[in-house]
Amino acid sequence: SNEGEWLELEHENGSPMDARVKLVVYDSDACQKQRRKNADKRLRKRSFKATAEELENEGIELMVVATLEWDGFVDGDQSLECTRENVRRVYRACPEIKDQVDAFMGDRSNFLSV
């Protein structure tokens, strides 16, 4: 679960996007570390209440740390490097991609070796 698997992205109509993302499962070490970081932040604030925006941000950050690499992402005519900043920006701007990433990461069967 820590080595990652490739998600071939699709448009909403099911056609290929010519882009893919290598992800680790939500149970991975990286995601567990991010969850602890989120919990520690709440403990320091002494508040377990969260706004919808905070929960969305935490979810995106989990997906950011779970993204190991990608292919086929461009900004204009330039290839878009797989940095945390760029990954975060794409997931915020493209719910179509974010939702596929979330679903893929949540399905443990995508990460089982056969």
Protein backbone atom coordinates (compact mmCIF):
# COMPACT_ATOMS: atom_id res chain seq x y z
CA SER A 1 0.00 0.00 0.00
CA ASN A 2 3.01 2.31 0.27
CA GLU A 3 4.38 1.72 -3.23
CA GLY A 4 1.32 3.04 -5.04
CA GLU A 5 -0.76 2.07 -8.02
CA TRP A 6 -1.70 3.97 -11.18
CA LEU A 7 -5.16 5.46 -11.70
CA GLU A 8 -5.97 6.07 -15.36
CA LEU A 9 -8.17 9.17 -15.30
CA GLU A 10 -11.38 9.44 -17.32
CA HIS A 11 -13.71 12.21 -18.36
CA GLU A 12 -17.25 12.09 -16.96
CA ASN A 13 -18.42 10.41 -20.18
CA GLY A 14 -15.94 7.56 -19.61
CA SER A 15 -13.44 8.51 -22.29
CA PRO A 16 -9.75 8.48 -21.28
CA MET A 17 -8.18 11.75 -20.16
CA ASP A 18 -4.64 10.87 -21.32
CA ALA A 19 -3.51 11.52 -17.75
CA ARG A 20 -2.78 9.24 -14.86
CA VAL A 21 -1.90 9.50 -11.18
CA LYS A 22 0.13 7.13 -9.01
CA LEU A 23 -1.48 6.91 -5.58
CA VAL A 24 -1.19 5.11 -2.28
CA VAL A 25 -4.19 3.81 -0.39
CA TYR A 26 -5.79 5.76 2.47
CA ASP A 27 -4.30 3.15 4.87
CA SER A 28 -0.75 3.99 3.76
CA ASP A 29 1.93 5.29 6.09
CA ALA A 30 1.82 8.74 4.44
CA CYS A 31 -1.93 9.09 4.92
CA GLN A 32 -1.82 7.86 8.50
CA LYS A 33 0.89 10.41 9.25
CA GLN A 34 -1.26 13.18 7.70
CA ARG A 35 -4.31 12.06 9.73
CA ARG A 36 -2.26 12.28 12.93
CA LYS A 37 -1.07 15.74 11.92
CA ASN A 38 -4.71 16.82 11.42
CA ALA A 39 -5.70 15.36 14.80
CA ASP A 40 -2.74 17.01 16.55
CA LYS A 41 -3.77 20.36 15.09
CA ARG A 42 -7.26 19.97 16.56
CA LEU A 43 -5.89 18.86 19.91
CA ARG A 44 -3.66 21.94 20.07
CA LYS A 45 -6.70 24.10 19.35
CA ARG A 46 -8.62 22.07 21.98
CA SER A 47 -11.49 21.84 19.55
CA PHE A 48 -12.93 18.83 17.79
CA LYS A 49 -15.38 20.95 15.85
CA ALA A 50 -14.54 21.53 12.23
CA THR A 51 -16.07 23.57 9.46
CA ALA A 52 -16.95 22.05 6.12
CA GLU A 53 -14.05 23.98 4.61
CA GLU A 54 -11.60 22.55 7.16
CA LEU A 55 -12.82 19.01 6.49
CA GLU A 56 -12.51 19.53 2.73
CA ASN A 57 -8.98 20.90 3.17
CA GLU A 58 -8.00 17.91 5.31
CA GLY A 59 -9.35 15.54 2.65
CA ILE A 60 -7.43 17.29 -0.10
CA GLU A 61 -4.24 17.20 1.98
CA LEU A 62 -4.65 13.43 2.38
CA MET A 63 -4.91 13.10 -1.40
CA VAL A 64 -1.91 15.39 -1.88
CA VAL A 65 0.36 13.28 0.35
CA ALA A 66 -0.98 10.12 -1.31
CA THR A 67 -0.04 11.35 -4.80
CA LEU A 68 3.38 9.94 -5.64
CA GLU A 69 3.64 10.99 -9.27
CA TRP A 70 1.58 11.76 -12.35
CA ASP A 71 1.74 11.82 -16.13
CA GLY A 72 -0.15 13.86 -18.70
CA PHE A 73 -0.88 17.01 -16.72
CA VAL A 74 -0.28 20.26 -18.57
CA ASP A 75 -0.72 23.95 -17.96
CA GLY A 76 -1.15 25.54 -21.37
CA ASP A 77 1.49 23.83 -23.47
CA GLN A 78 3.86 23.12 -20.57
CA SER A 79 4.05 19.83 -18.68
CA LEU A 80 2.90 20.31 -15.08
CA GLU A 81 5.40 18.98 -12.55
CA CYS A 82 4.03 16.75 -9.80
CA THR A 83 4.72 19.01 -6.80
CA ARG A 84 2.52 19.22 -3.73
CA GLU A 85 1.53 22.75 -4.70
CA ASN A 86 0.51 21.69 -8.22
CA VAL A 87 -1.30 18.59 -6.99
CA ARG A 88 -3.22 20.66 -4.44
CA ARG A 89 -4.12 23.22 -7.11
CA VAL A 90 -5.39 20.57 -9.55
CA TYR A 91 -7.46 18.75 -6.92
CA ARG A 92 -9.06 22.02 -5.79
CA ALA A 93 -9.77 23.20 -9.34
CA CYS A 94 -10.91 19.88 -10.85
CA PRO A 95 -13.56 18.02 -8.83
CA GLU A 96 -13.77 15.49 -11.67
CA ILE A 97 -10.18 14.44 -10.93
CA LYS A 98 -10.41 14.82 -7.15
CA ASP A 99 -13.45 12.55 -6.99
CA GLN A 100 -11.74 9.82 -9.04
CA VAL A 101 -8.65 10.02 -6.84
CA ASP A 102 -10.76 9.81 -3.67
CA ALA A 103 -12.72 6.80 -4.94
CA PHE A 104 -9.59 4.99 -6.14
CA MET A 105 -7.75 5.53 -2.86
CA GLY A 106 -10.74 4.35 -0.85
CA ASP A 107 -10.98 1.03 -2.70
CA ARG A 108 -8.36 -1.25 -1.14
CA SER A 109 -8.77 -3.76 -3.96
CA ASN A 110 -6.94 -1.31 -6.26
CA PHE A 111 -3.81 -1.89 -4.19
CA LEU A 112 -3.83 -5.67 -3.80
CA SER A 113 -1.20 -7.60 -5.69
CA VAL A 114 -2.60 -10.54 -7.58
